[in-house]
Amino acid sequence: MDLEKEAKRHVEHKQKLFYQTLSNKLEPVRECILEFLPESRGRDRALEHVDDVAALARYTAELHGIK
């Protein structure tokens, strides 16, 4: 049982690290879009796509795991 718990903790730690790193790397992209693009539908769509990238990456990590 202890080995299973340790493996689960390891996987959860790697996922948490991935999610934090992903968020930290996408935040400057969001900031850049907000800073340099004027308010427009295009800017809104760009921000939506950044959110889509995060959601798809999280989904893939949950589905296939983290290497």
C-alpha atoms as a PDB file:
ATOM      1  CA  MET A   1       0.000   0.000   0.000  1.00  0.00           C
ATOM      2  CA  ASP A   2       2.772   2.457   0.834  1.00  0.00           C
ATOM      3  CA  LEU A   3       4.263   2.073  -2.631  1.00  0.00           C
ATOM      4  CA  GLU A   4       0.890   2.863  -4.223  1.00  0.00           C
ATOM      5  CA  LYS A   5       0.451   5.936  -2.031  1.00  0.00           C
ATOM      6  CA  GLU A   6       3.953   7.133  -2.864  1.00  0.00           C
ATOM      7  CA  ALA A   7       3.323   6.621  -6.581  1.00  0.00           C
ATOM      8  CA  LYS A   8       0.051   8.548  -6.350  1.00  0.00           C
ATOM      9  CA  ARG A   9       1.755  11.405  -4.482  1.00  0.00           C
ATOM     10  CA  HIS A  10       4.510  11.471  -7.102  1.00  0.00           C
ATOM     11  CA  VAL A  11       2.025  11.687  -9.981  1.00  0.00           C
ATOM     12  CA  GLU A  12      -0.009  14.368  -8.196  1.00  0.00           C
ATOM     13  CA  HIS A  13       3.158  16.376  -7.535  1.00  0.00           C
ATOM     14  CA  LYS A  14       4.212  16.181 -11.195  1.00  0.00           C
ATOM     15  CA  GLN A  15       0.730  17.238 -12.337  1.00  0.00           C
ATOM     16  CA  LYS A  16       0.673  20.150  -9.894  1.00  0.00           C
ATOM     17  CA  LEU A  17       4.122  21.249 -11.062  1.00  0.00           C
ATOM     18  CA  PHE A  18       2.989  21.013 -14.700  1.00  0.00           C
ATOM     19  CA  TYR A  19      -0.155  23.073 -14.064  1.00  0.00           C
ATOM     20  CA  GLN A  20       1.793  25.753 -12.182  1.00  0.00           C
ATOM     21  CA  THR A  21       4.506  25.917 -14.838  1.00  0.00           C
ATOM     22  CA  LEU A  22       1.946  26.084 -17.636  1.00  0.00           C
ATOM     23  CA  SER A  23       0.090  28.885 -15.885  1.00  0.00           C
ATOM     24  CA  ASN A  24       3.324  30.792 -15.219  1.00  0.00           C
ATOM     25  CA  LYS A  25       4.371  30.528 -18.861  1.00  0.00           C
ATOM     26  CA  LEU A  26       0.978  31.523 -20.290  1.00  0.00           C
ATOM     27  CA  GLU A  27       0.514  34.550 -18.025  1.00  0.00           C
ATOM     28  CA  PRO A  28       3.099  36.678 -19.915  1.00  0.00           C
ATOM     29  CA  VAL A  29       1.290  35.799 -23.158  1.00  0.00           C
ATOM     30  CA  ARG A  30      -1.984  37.077 -21.704  1.00  0.00           C
ATOM     31  CA  GLU A  31      -0.251  40.219 -20.421  1.00  0.00           C
ATOM     32  CA  CYS A  32       1.341  40.853 -23.823  1.00  0.00           C
ATOM     33  CA  ILE A  33      -1.998  40.498 -25.597  1.00  0.00           C
ATOM     34  CA  LEU A  34      -3.673  42.871 -23.141  1.00  0.00           C
ATOM     35  CA  GLU A  35      -0.826  45.388 -23.319  1.00  0.00           C
ATOM     36  CA  PHE A  36      -0.344  45.605 -27.071  1.00  0.00           C
ATOM     37  CA  LEU A  37      -3.661  44.778 -28.708  1.00  0.00           C
ATOM     38  CA  PRO A  38      -6.530  47.252 -28.676  1.00  0.00           C
ATOM     39  CA  GLU A  39      -9.882  46.169 -27.326  1.00  0.00           C
ATOM     40  CA  SER A  40     -11.436  44.178 -30.121  1.00  0.00           C
ATOM     41  CA  ARG A  41     -13.031  40.888 -30.945  1.00  0.00           C
ATOM     42  CA  GLY A  42      -9.628  39.712 -32.178  1.00  0.00           C
ATOM     43  CA  ARG A  43      -8.008  40.428 -28.804  1.00  0.00           C
ATOM     44  CA  ASP A  44     -10.842  38.630 -27.044  1.00  0.00           C
ATOM     45  CA  ARG A  45     -10.401  35.628 -29.331  1.00  0.00           C
ATOM     46  CA  ALA A  46      -6.644  35.599 -28.752  1.00  0.00           C
ATOM     47  CA  LEU A  47      -7.247  35.485 -24.987  1.00  0.00           C
ATOM     48  CA  GLU A  48      -9.817  32.718 -25.468  1.00  0.00           C
ATOM     49  CA  HIS A  49      -7.269  30.705 -27.441  1.00  0.00           C
ATOM     50  CA  VAL A  50      -4.704  31.077 -24.658  1.00  0.00           C
ATOM     51  CA  ASP A  51      -7.333  29.695 -22.274  1.00  0.00           C
ATOM     52  CA  ASP A  52      -8.037  26.893 -24.762  1.00  0.00           C
ATOM     53  CA  VAL A  53      -4.341  25.982 -24.829  1.00  0.00           C
ATOM     54  CA  ALA A  54      -4.326  25.697 -21.037  1.00  0.00           C
ATOM     55  CA  ALA A  55      -7.522  23.638 -20.988  1.00  0.00           C
ATOM     56  CA  LEU A  56      -6.345  21.273 -23.732  1.00  0.00           C
ATOM     57  CA  ALA A  57      -2.964  20.784 -22.079  1.00  0.00           C
ATOM     58  CA  ARG A  58      -4.624  20.016 -18.731  1.00  0.00           C
ATOM     59  CA  TYR A  59      -7.034  17.587 -20.392  1.00  0.00           C
ATOM     60  CA  THR A  60      -4.189  15.824 -22.188  1.00  0.00           C
ATOM     61  CA  ALA A  61      -2.189  15.591 -18.963  1.00  0.00           C
ATOM     62  CA  GLU A  62      -5.155  14.027 -17.182  1.00  0.00           C
ATOM     63  CA  LEU A  63      -5.874  11.666 -20.062  1.00  0.00           C
ATOM     64  CA  HIS A  64      -2.322  10.523 -20.841  1.00  0.00           C
ATOM     65  CA  GLY A  65      -0.413  11.536 -17.742  1.00  0.00           C
ATOM     66  CA  ILE A  66       2.783  13.511 -17.393  1.00  0.00           C
ATOM     67  CA  LYS A  67       6.083  12.133 -18.667  1.00  0.00           C
END
